Protein backbone atom coordinates (compact mmCIF):
# COMPACT_ATOMS: atom_id res chain seq x y z
CA MET A 1 78.24 84.64 142.08
CA PHE A 2 79.43 83.23 145.57
CA VAL A 3 78.09 80.57 147.94
CA THR A 4 78.69 80.52 151.57
CA VAL A 5 80.29 77.42 152.93
CA ALA A 6 79.04 78.21 156.47
CA ALA A 7 75.36 78.59 155.28
CA LEU A 8 75.75 75.17 153.62
CA VAL A 9 77.05 73.38 156.73
CA ALA A 10 74.17 74.89 158.95
CA ALA A 11 71.61 73.39 156.40
CA ALA A 12 73.20 70.15 156.51
CA CYS A 13 73.48 69.77 160.25
CA GLY A 14 70.54 71.53 161.40
CA GLY A 15 72.02 74.45 163.04
CA ALA A 16 75.27 73.00 164.01
CA THR A 17 77.99 75.44 165.53
CA PRO A 18 78.69 77.76 162.78
CA SER A 19 82.23 77.60 161.28
CA PRO A 20 83.78 80.60 159.83
CA GLU A 21 82.43 81.86 156.35
CA VAL A 22 84.44 81.32 153.41
CA GLU A 23 83.38 82.44 149.85
CA VAL A 24 83.73 79.86 147.32
CA PRO A 25 83.39 81.30 143.74
CA ARG A 26 80.72 79.47 141.55
CA VAL A 27 82.86 78.33 138.58
CA GLU A 28 80.94 79.23 135.35
CA ALA A 29 81.19 75.93 132.75
CA PRO A 30 83.71 76.28 130.10
CA PRO A 31 83.00 76.82 126.68
CA THR A 32 82.42 73.53 124.86
CA SER A 33 82.09 74.69 121.20
CA GLY A 34 83.37 76.91 118.60
CA LEU A 35 82.55 78.56 115.47
CA VAL A 36 84.90 78.10 112.38
CA TRP A 37 84.42 80.27 109.29
CA VAL A 38 85.90 79.23 105.98
CA ARG A 39 85.78 80.12 102.44
CA ASP A 40 86.19 77.75 99.37
CA ALA A 41 87.80 78.50 96.13
CA ALA A 42 84.79 79.71 94.75
CA GLY A 43 84.61 82.46 97.38
CA THR A 44 81.46 80.65 99.11
CA ASP A 45 81.58 81.25 102.75
CA ARG A 46 80.34 78.75 105.29
CA THR A 47 80.58 78.17 108.97
CA TRP A 48 81.14 75.10 110.85
CA TRP A 49 79.98 74.50 114.60
CA VAL A 50 82.10 72.28 116.14
CA ASN A 51 83.25 70.69 119.41
CA LEU A 52 86.43 71.93 121.05
CA ASP A 53 88.11 68.67 119.79
CA GLY A 54 87.32 69.96 116.25
CA SER A 55 84.51 67.35 115.62
CA PRO A 56 81.45 68.90 113.85
CA LEU A 57 78.57 69.34 115.65
CA SER A 58 76.11 69.15 112.69
CA SER A 59 76.51 67.06 109.64
CA LEU A 60 76.42 70.15 107.29
CA PRO A 61 77.98 73.89 107.68
CA ILE A 62 75.89 76.93 108.05
CA ASP A 63 75.69 79.28 104.91
CA GLY A 64 77.87 82.37 105.43
CA PRO A 65 79.93 83.73 108.49
CA LEU A 66 78.71 83.44 111.97
CA TRP A 67 80.39 84.75 114.74
CA ALA A 68 79.60 84.29 118.62
CA ASP A 69 80.46 87.17 121.04
CA GLY A 70 79.44 86.38 124.58
CA GLN A 71 75.82 86.43 124.67
CA ALA A 72 75.35 87.41 121.03
CA LEU A 73 75.37 85.58 117.85
CA TRP A 74 76.10 87.81 114.57
CA GLN A 75 75.40 87.23 110.81
CA PRO A 76 76.24 89.53 108.17
CA THR A 77 73.63 90.69 105.27
CA PHE A 78 74.71 92.65 102.26
CA GLU A 79 71.76 94.76 101.58
CA ARG A 80 70.81 96.34 97.99
CA ALA A 81 70.35 100.12 98.19
CA GLU A 82 69.91 102.36 94.96
CA ALA A 83 71.03 105.58 93.63
CA PRO A 84 69.97 107.39 90.56
CA VAL A 85 72.34 107.79 87.40
CA TYR A 86 72.12 110.53 84.55
CA GLU A 87 72.83 110.82 80.92
CA GLU A 88 73.48 114.58 81.25
CA GLU A 89 74.52 116.43 84.26
CA PRO A 90 71.67 118.27 85.63
CA GLY A 91 71.85 122.07 85.71
CA PRO A 92 71.44 124.14 89.01
CA GLY A 93 67.69 124.01 89.72
CA GLU A 94 66.93 122.19 86.65
CA PRO A 95 65.28 119.08 87.41
CA SER A 96 66.29 115.93 85.36
CA GLU A 97 64.88 112.45 84.72
CA PRO A 98 67.48 109.58 85.88
CA ALA A 99 68.70 107.23 83.23
CA SER A 100 68.48 104.40 85.63
CA GLN A 101 68.92 103.16 89.05
CA ILE A 102 72.58 101.46 90.04
CA PRO A 103 73.09 98.87 92.82
CA LEU A 104 74.79 100.23 96.10
CA VAL A 105 75.72 98.10 98.94
CA ARG A 106 74.59 98.32 102.68
CA VAL A 107 76.38 95.91 105.26
CA VAL A 108 74.00 94.98 108.16
CA LEU A 109 74.94 92.90 110.88
CA ARG A 110 72.09 90.94 112.50
CA GLU A 111 72.29 89.60 115.94
CA LEU A 112 70.24 86.37 115.91
CA VAL A 113 69.58 85.82 119.62
CA THR A 114 67.54 89.22 120.25
CA ASP A 115 66.98 89.92 116.52
CA ALA A 116 68.74 93.37 116.74
CA ARG A 117 70.21 95.01 113.55
CA VAL A 118 73.55 97.30 113.49
CA VAL A 119 74.30 98.83 110.24
CA ALA A 120 78.09 98.51 110.13
CA ILE A 121 78.53 100.36 106.55
CA GLU A 122 76.15 102.52 105.10
CA ALA A 123 75.52 102.96 101.49
CA PRO A 124 77.03 106.04 99.99
CA GLU A 125 75.18 109.10 99.51
CA LEU A 126 75.93 110.06 95.80
CA GLY A 127 75.30 113.56 94.09
CA PRO A 128 73.95 113.53 90.61
CA VAL A 129 76.41 111.31 88.88
CA HIS A 130 76.95 109.47 84.97
CA ASP A 131 77.87 106.23 86.44
CA ALA A 132 78.97 104.50 89.76
CA ARG A 133 80.13 101.26 91.10
CA HIS A 134 80.13 100.20 94.82
CA GLU A 135 81.25 97.07 96.47
CA VAL A 136 82.15 95.70 100.14
CA ARG A 137 84.59 92.68 100.53
CA LEU A 138 84.65 90.73 103.95
CA GLU A 139 88.33 89.74 104.16
CA GLY A 140 88.56 88.05 107.37
CA SER A 141 87.90 88.16 111.16
CA VAL A 142 90.06 87.93 114.04
CA GLY A 143 88.17 87.51 117.17
CA PRO A 144 85.63 90.08 117.51
CA TYR A 145 86.97 92.34 114.51
CA LEU A 146 85.81 92.09 111.27
CA PHE A 147 87.96 93.60 108.42
CA PHE A 148 86.22 95.02 105.47
CA VAL A 149 87.27 96.77 102.29
CA GLU A 150 84.89 99.20 100.68
CA ARG A 151 85.34 100.50 96.93
CA LEU A 152 83.48 103.42 95.39
CA TYR A 153 83.90 104.24 91.69
CA VAL A 154 82.34 107.35 90.48
CA ASP A 155 81.92 109.06 86.86
CA SER A 156 80.72 112.84 87.32
CA TRP A 157 81.23 113.82 83.68
CA GLY A 158 84.82 114.76 84.24
CA ALA A 159 87.65 113.75 81.89
CA HIS A 160 87.70 110.47 83.86
CA GLY A 161 86.16 108.61 86.63
CA ALA A 162 87.61 108.03 89.98
CA GLU A 163 87.85 105.22 92.37
CA ASP A 164 88.19 105.34 96.37
CA ALA A 165 88.96 102.42 98.59
CA ARG A 166 89.00 102.61 102.31
CA SER A 167 89.37 99.80 105.17
CA ILE A 168 86.78 99.32 107.78
CA VAL A 169 87.43 97.10 110.94
CA TRP A 170 84.39 96.57 112.96
CA ASP A 171 84.26 95.54 116.45
CA LEU A 172 81.23 93.15 117.41
CA THR A 173 81.74 93.48 121.14
CA ALA A 174 81.54 97.50 120.67
CA SER A 175 79.18 97.50 117.84
CA ALA A 176 81.40 100.21 116.14
CA SER A 177 84.14 100.60 113.93
CA VAL A 178 87.70 100.89 115.76
CA GLU A 179 91.29 101.49 114.98
CA ILE A 180 93.65 98.32 115.62
CA PRO A 181 97.11 99.77 115.74
CA THR A 182 98.80 101.63 118.99
CA ASP A 183 100.74 104.70 118.56
CA ARG A 184 104.06 102.93 119.24
CA GLU A 185 103.11 100.63 116.29
CA LEU A 186 102.10 103.33 113.91
CA SER A 187 105.43 104.90 114.66
CA THR A 188 107.27 101.64 113.95
CA TRP A 189 105.24 100.88 110.73
CA GLU A 190 105.55 104.69 109.49
CA LEU A 191 109.50 104.13 109.51
CA GLU A 192 109.43 100.83 107.72
CA ALA A 193 106.89 101.97 105.20
CA ARG A 194 109.15 104.75 104.09
CA ARG A 195 112.08 102.83 103.98
CA ARG A 196 109.96 100.14 101.75
CA VAL A 197 108.46 102.72 99.40
CA SER A 198 111.93 104.06 98.90
CA GLU A 199 112.83 100.75 97.19
CA VAL A 200 110.04 101.30 94.74
CA PRO A 201 111.26 103.35 91.38
CA GLU A 202 107.96 104.36 90.46
CA ILE A 203 107.14 106.15 93.58
CA ASP A 204 108.70 109.93 93.79
CA GLU A 205 111.01 110.28 96.78
CA ASP A 206 108.81 113.08 98.19
CA ALA A 207 105.27 111.34 97.91
CA GLY A 208 103.05 111.48 100.71
CA LEU A 209 102.38 108.12 102.35
CA SER A 210 99.33 106.72 104.11
CA LEU A 211 98.97 103.64 106.08
CA VAL A 212 95.47 102.55 104.74
CA ALA A 213 94.70 98.89 105.70
CA LEU A 214 95.44 95.76 107.47
CA HIS A 215 94.80 92.64 105.54
CA PRO A 216 94.90 89.44 108.20
CA ARG A 217 95.25 85.98 106.94
CA TRP A 218 95.37 82.58 108.71
CA ALA A 219 98.00 80.74 107.45
CA ASP A 220 100.28 77.84 108.55
CA GLY A 221 98.65 77.59 111.86
CA ARG A 222 99.31 81.22 112.84
CA LEU A 223 97.94 84.72 111.97
CA ALA A 224 99.83 86.74 109.42
CA VAL A 225 98.87 90.32 108.94
CA ASP A 226 100.06 92.57 105.77
CA LEU A 227 100.20 96.54 106.26
CA ARG A 228 98.99 98.31 103.09
CA VAL A 229 100.78 101.55 102.39
CA ALA A 230 99.37 104.09 99.55
CA ALA A 231 101.88 106.62 98.10
CA GLU A 232 100.46 109.56 96.37
CA ALA A 233 100.88 109.34 92.44
CA CYS A 234 99.48 110.80 89.29
CA TYR A 235 96.43 109.48 87.85
CA ALA A 236 98.21 107.41 85.01
CA CYS A 237 100.88 106.17 87.55
CA GLY A 238 98.46 104.66 89.88
CA ASP A 239 98.64 101.05 89.99
CA GLY A 240 94.81 100.24 90.39
CA GLU A 241 95.40 98.44 93.80
CA TRP A 242 93.87 100.99 95.99
CA SER A 243 92.49 104.39 95.60
CA ASP A 244 93.12 106.28 92.10
CA TYR A 245 96.03 108.59 92.08
CA THR A 246 98.14 106.01 94.52
CA ARG A 247 100.57 103.21 94.13
CA SER A 248 100.33 100.62 96.94
CA VAL A 249 102.98 98.63 98.86
CA LEU A 250 102.15 95.54 100.72
CA ILE A 251 104.39 95.04 103.78
CA PRO A 252 104.16 91.66 105.88
CA LEU A 253 104.34 92.54 109.46
CA PRO A 254 106.78 90.57 111.58
CA THR A 255 104.35 90.00 114.09
CA PRO A 256 100.42 90.86 114.30
CA PRO A 257 99.18 94.18 116.03
CA GLU A 258 98.98 93.65 119.71
CA ARG A 259 95.01 93.61 119.69
CA LEU A 260 94.98 90.88 117.17
CA ALA A 261 97.91 88.50 118.38
CA ARG A 262 96.13 85.07 119.49
CA PRO A 263 97.06 81.60 118.47
CA VAL A 264 94.96 79.24 116.26
CA PRO A 265 93.21 76.69 118.43
CA GLY A 266 93.30 73.06 117.42
CA TRP A 267 89.60 72.70 116.89
CA ALA A 268 89.60 75.81 114.43
CA ARG A 269 92.50 74.33 112.35
CA ALA A 270 90.96 70.77 112.29
CA ALA A 271 87.79 72.12 111.18
CA ALA A 272 89.12 73.97 108.19
CA GLU A 273 91.27 71.17 107.22
CA ARG A 274 88.55 68.77 107.18
CA SER A 275 86.54 71.25 105.04
CA GLY A 276 89.44 71.78 102.53
CA ALA A 277 88.57 75.30 102.54
CA THR A 278 90.40 78.55 103.70
CA LEU A 279 90.30 79.37 107.38
CA MET A 280 89.01 83.00 107.57
CA GLY A 281 87.78 83.22 111.24
CA PHE A 282 86.93 81.44 114.56
CA THR A 283 85.23 82.27 117.78
CA LEU A 284 84.22 80.59 120.78
CA VAL A 285 80.50 79.59 121.79
CA ASP A 286 80.36 80.19 125.65
CA GLU A 287 76.77 81.18 126.18
CA PRO A 288 73.60 79.24 126.09
CA GLY A 289 71.69 81.78 123.86
CA PRO A 290 74.01 81.69 120.78
CA ALA A 291 74.17 77.57 121.26
CA ARG A 292 70.26 77.34 121.13
CA ILE A 293 70.31 79.42 117.82
CA LEU A 294 73.05 77.28 116.18
CA ASP A 295 71.20 74.06 117.09
CA SER A 296 67.95 75.43 115.43
CA LEU A 297 70.02 76.57 112.25
CA SER A 298 71.73 73.02 112.15
CA ARG A 299 68.73 70.83 112.08
């Protein structure tokens, strides 16, 4: 928005000779607070609302992760869904009573200013199964990007069950999952992945490779990102680190991907150090709506 200097002068001088109009930008107030998400040794997540000098704005942290994104304030919830499991495989067209119900996970992001809800990860739809296990882990955040790993084990009366893993990066601003790397970065990483995998004797030379996940972590005052590469393997040769039928290699990237590159501000580092927990992510609070909600949560 702009105000006109000429209009202000005229109003002040009672209709004096108009001066040339000069548009002066109306500068918004700078952000005055931030959110710092930390995780303790027991795996408990908390968020500190702090001034930009790192001092807390409340005496106690808020339970769970919170992220500000413009006029929005987001909080994740892990909802329970259910799926039936059966003792015996149902035949075609034969109704069967399930033996029990197993828990599944649905990840919902709640926007606390408008009370909106967005499903980030839906619970999987399973056919008839003898057993299944489903979990979703939130590994960290970088700005508006949330990093999840989802794992699903299914036993469908075969010789053995099978587990599949996948990485999901959720963009709070776009309210959608996104791909982080550029084409140029992917090309560079694929060459390095092939070189690193060739050094692992348990992986065949001609094994198919997939770049399956990015694992961010805030350490030593900076962002570090590990790239996970999964190589095809037989079931017995898998290492259990990612999906079945794979062996995986973790490659520390020399620099973070372009979309993630950002420094750790002093206020976030100070808040994490004061808490004694691990820094998991941070965002600026630069709109009054989220600040009002934070004030109510902190009372």
